[in-house]
Amino acid sequence: MTVSILTIIIAVLVIAGGLFVVRAVPSLRALFKWRGERIVTCPETKEPAAVNVAAGEAALGVFFSEPTLRLKECSRWPERKGCGQDCLQQVEANTQNCLVWNMVSKWYEGKSCAFCHKPIGTLHHLDHAPALLGPDFHSTEWKNISPEKLPQIFNTHQPVCWNCHVTETFRHQHPELVTDRAPEPRRMM
């Protein structure tokens, strides 16, 4: 009984593909686990800092059984680029809760717009971003604020829905085009 070369090649490719998948799945999990901007407390300055983990490098490390975790970016760099990256312990201990997106989503949860009083609702990545109303009564999208400043901003600002943010921004930029009218009572027909 002879085994053809084609059968051997197919068997080798199937085994290699299976081994690749076995290595690739944990690697992809690591990539998704470590991607995204996070807020940590800088161990050196005791101030909030925005960091990004080198997620691609971490995923490759898992693929080759040499897991490594290091920072790709930090808001304290380049001044403190030579730091020991001790903040990674916070990231490892609190992987999901230090993600900027999760912190922002949690802050908006259960809140209503400062103008129209409608609930903000659950945040979704593809939706328009809600905004923040500052003490100066100007609204700003939360995405336009440096992440390391968000914890402090959340103490002094109010939530604003996207529609009211657009309306109020227009009102501030073009006051000559806005006419305020008192609401009319509803008429019965």
Protein backbone atom coordinates (compact mmCIF):
# COMPACT_ATOMS: atom_id res chain seq x y z
CA MET A 1 0.00 0.00 0.00
CA THR A 2 1.56 3.25 -1.08
CA VAL A 3 0.83 6.65 0.30
CA SER A 4 0.97 9.38 -2.25
CA ILE A 5 3.10 12.46 -1.72
CA LEU A 6 -0.02 14.62 -2.06
CA THR A 7 -1.62 12.83 0.91
CA ILE A 8 1.49 13.40 3.03
CA ILE A 9 1.60 17.10 2.08
CA ILE A 10 -2.07 17.53 2.92
CA ALA A 11 -1.61 15.76 6.28
CA VAL A 12 1.39 17.96 7.13
CA LEU A 13 -0.54 21.11 6.15
CA VAL A 14 -3.56 20.09 8.26
CA ILE A 15 -1.36 19.42 11.29
CA ALA A 16 0.55 22.69 10.80
CA GLY A 17 -2.73 24.59 10.39
CA GLY A 18 -4.11 23.03 13.56
CA LEU A 19 -0.98 23.94 15.51
CA PHE A 20 -1.16 27.49 14.16
CA VAL A 21 -4.78 27.85 15.27
CA VAL A 22 -3.95 26.47 18.72
CA ARG A 23 -1.25 29.17 19.07
CA ALA A 24 -3.20 31.96 17.34
CA VAL A 25 -6.38 31.87 19.47
CA PRO A 26 -4.67 32.77 22.79
CA SER A 27 -2.59 35.32 20.91
CA LEU A 28 -5.71 37.04 19.56
CA ARG A 29 -7.25 37.01 23.04
CA ALA A 30 -4.14 38.78 24.35
CA LEU A 31 -4.34 41.35 21.57
CA PHE A 32 -7.94 42.24 22.42
CA LYS A 33 -7.25 42.16 26.16
CA TRP A 34 -4.38 44.65 26.06
CA ARG A 35 -5.48 47.09 23.36
CA GLY A 36 -7.02 50.44 24.23
CA GLU A 37 -6.03 53.51 26.19
CA ARG A 38 -5.99 53.21 29.96
CA ILE A 39 -5.76 55.58 32.90
CA VAL A 40 -3.41 54.66 35.72
CA THR A 41 -1.85 56.48 38.65
CA CYS A 42 1.79 57.16 37.87
CA PRO A 43 3.78 55.53 40.71
CA GLU A 44 6.41 58.26 40.45
CA THR A 45 4.23 61.40 40.40
CA LYS A 46 1.03 59.99 41.96
CA GLU A 47 -0.91 61.77 39.17
CA PRO A 48 -3.24 60.21 36.56
CA ALA A 49 -1.50 59.13 33.36
CA ALA A 50 -2.87 57.79 30.09
CA VAL A 51 -1.05 54.70 28.84
CA ASN A 52 -1.23 52.29 25.93
CA VAL A 53 0.12 48.78 26.30
CA ALA A 54 2.07 47.35 23.36
CA ALA A 55 -0.79 44.95 22.57
CA GLY A 56 0.72 43.61 19.36
CA GLU A 57 3.95 42.77 21.10
CA ALA A 58 2.06 41.11 23.95
CA ALA A 59 0.09 39.01 21.44
CA LEU A 60 3.28 37.91 19.67
CA GLY A 61 4.77 37.03 23.05
CA VAL A 62 1.82 34.79 23.80
CA PHE A 63 2.08 33.20 20.33
CA PHE A 64 5.74 32.34 20.89
CA SER A 65 5.25 31.40 24.59
CA GLU A 66 7.30 34.38 25.77
CA PRO A 67 4.64 36.71 27.20
CA THR A 68 5.91 40.24 27.70
CA LEU A 69 4.06 43.33 28.74
CA ARG A 70 5.39 46.83 28.24
CA LEU A 71 4.06 50.30 27.50
CA LYS A 72 3.82 51.57 23.97
CA GLU A 73 2.82 55.13 24.96
CA CYS A 74 2.39 57.19 28.11
CA SER A 75 1.15 60.75 28.58
CA ARG A 76 4.13 61.36 30.90
CA TRP A 77 6.58 60.68 28.06
CA PRO A 78 9.00 61.80 26.67
CA GLU A 79 10.06 63.45 29.96
CA ARG A 80 9.78 60.20 31.93
CA LYS A 81 10.33 57.66 29.14
CA GLY A 82 13.06 55.85 31.08
CA CYS A 83 10.72 54.98 33.95
CA GLY A 84 10.45 51.43 35.27
CA GLN A 85 6.87 51.08 33.93
CA ASP A 86 5.68 50.04 37.38
CA CYS A 87 2.18 51.23 36.42
CA LEU A 88 1.82 48.00 34.42
CA GLN A 89 1.01 46.29 37.73
CA GLN A 90 -2.13 48.45 37.92
CA VAL A 91 -3.03 47.55 34.33
CA GLU A 92 -2.59 43.82 35.01
CA ALA A 93 -4.55 43.97 38.27
CA ASN A 94 -7.42 46.02 36.84
CA THR A 95 -7.39 45.22 33.12
CA GLN A 96 -10.93 46.28 32.21
CA ASN A 97 -11.68 48.95 34.82
CA CYS A 98 -8.77 51.19 33.84
CA LEU A 99 -9.78 51.31 30.15
CA VAL A 100 -10.77 54.87 29.26
CA TRP A 101 -13.84 53.69 27.33
CA ASN A 102 -15.10 51.64 30.27
CA MET A 103 -14.51 54.49 32.73
CA VAL A 104 -16.39 56.95 30.52
CA SER A 105 -19.25 54.50 29.92
CA LYS A 106 -19.60 53.91 33.64
CA TRP A 107 -19.64 57.68 34.36
CA TYR A 108 -22.42 58.35 31.81
CA GLU A 109 -24.41 55.32 33.01
CA GLY A 110 -27.74 56.38 34.50
CA LYS A 111 -27.12 60.09 33.84
CA SER A 112 -29.35 62.48 31.92
CA CYS A 113 -28.50 65.39 29.64
CA ALA A 114 -28.03 68.69 31.49
CA PHE A 115 -30.14 70.48 28.85
CA CYS A 116 -32.96 68.21 27.62
CA HIS A 117 -32.94 65.85 30.63
CA LYS A 118 -33.19 62.77 28.41
CA PRO A 119 -31.19 59.74 29.59
CA ILE A 120 -27.80 59.42 27.91
CA GLY A 121 -28.17 55.66 27.60
CA THR A 122 -25.53 53.02 26.97
CA LEU A 123 -22.53 54.22 24.98
CA HIS A 124 -21.64 52.45 21.74
CA HIS A 125 -18.43 52.85 19.79
CA LEU A 126 -20.18 53.74 16.53
CA ASP A 127 -22.59 56.31 17.99
CA HIS A 128 -21.95 60.01 18.33
CA ALA A 129 -20.02 60.67 21.52
CA PRO A 130 -21.83 62.50 24.30
CA ALA A 131 -20.28 65.65 25.64
CA LEU A 132 -19.44 67.36 28.91
CA LEU A 133 -20.79 70.72 30.05
CA GLY A 134 -18.16 72.74 31.86
CA PRO A 135 -18.60 75.41 34.53
CA ASP A 136 -18.19 77.97 31.71
CA PHE A 137 -21.38 76.53 30.07
CA HIS A 138 -19.50 75.35 26.98
CA SER A 139 -19.81 71.73 25.96
CA THR A 140 -16.96 69.58 24.72
CA GLU A 141 -16.93 66.00 23.47
CA TRP A 142 -15.28 63.74 26.03
CA LYS A 143 -13.07 62.35 23.24
CA ASN A 144 -11.47 65.80 22.85
CA ILE A 145 -10.23 65.85 26.45
CA SER A 146 -6.88 64.37 27.42
CA PRO A 147 -7.69 61.00 29.03
CA GLU A 148 -5.55 61.67 32.10
CA LYS A 149 -7.71 64.74 32.84
CA LEU A 150 -11.03 62.86 32.67
CA PRO A 151 -11.19 61.77 36.35
CA GLN A 152 -10.86 65.40 37.44
CA ILE A 153 -13.25 66.66 34.71
CA PHE A 154 -15.93 64.19 35.79
CA ASN A 155 -16.06 65.95 39.19
CA THR A 156 -16.77 69.40 37.72
CA HIS A 157 -18.72 68.77 34.50
CA GLN A 158 -22.21 67.59 33.62
CA PRO A 159 -23.27 65.14 30.91
CA VAL A 160 -24.69 66.44 27.61
CA CYS A 161 -26.28 64.36 24.86
CA TRP A 162 -24.96 64.63 21.31
CA ASN A 163 -27.97 66.58 20.00
CA CYS A 164 -27.78 69.23 22.72
CA HIS A 165 -24.00 69.43 22.29
CA VAL A 166 -24.41 70.21 18.58
CA THR A 167 -27.20 72.71 19.29
CA GLU A 168 -25.30 74.52 22.05
CA THR A 169 -22.08 74.58 20.04
CA PHE A 170 -23.96 76.21 17.15
CA ARG A 171 -25.61 78.66 19.57
CA HIS A 172 -22.16 79.72 20.91
CA GLN A 173 -20.51 79.93 17.49
CA HIS A 174 -23.34 81.71 15.68
CA PRO A 175 -25.49 83.64 18.18
CA GLU A 176 -26.65 85.99 15.42
CA LEU A 177 -28.43 83.08 13.69
CA VAL A 178 -30.32 81.82 16.76
CA THR A 179 -33.76 82.99 17.79
CA ASP A 180 -35.03 81.81 21.15
CA ARG A 181 -38.77 81.40 21.40
CA ALA A 182 -40.88 80.45 24.37
CA PRO A 183 -42.39 77.00 23.94
CA GLU A 184 -46.00 77.07 22.73
CA PRO A 185 -48.55 75.14 24.73
CA ARG A 186 -49.89 72.07 22.96
CA ARG A 187 -53.15 72.69 21.17
CA MET A 188 -55.92 70.18 21.21
CA MET A 189 -57.44 69.37 17.83
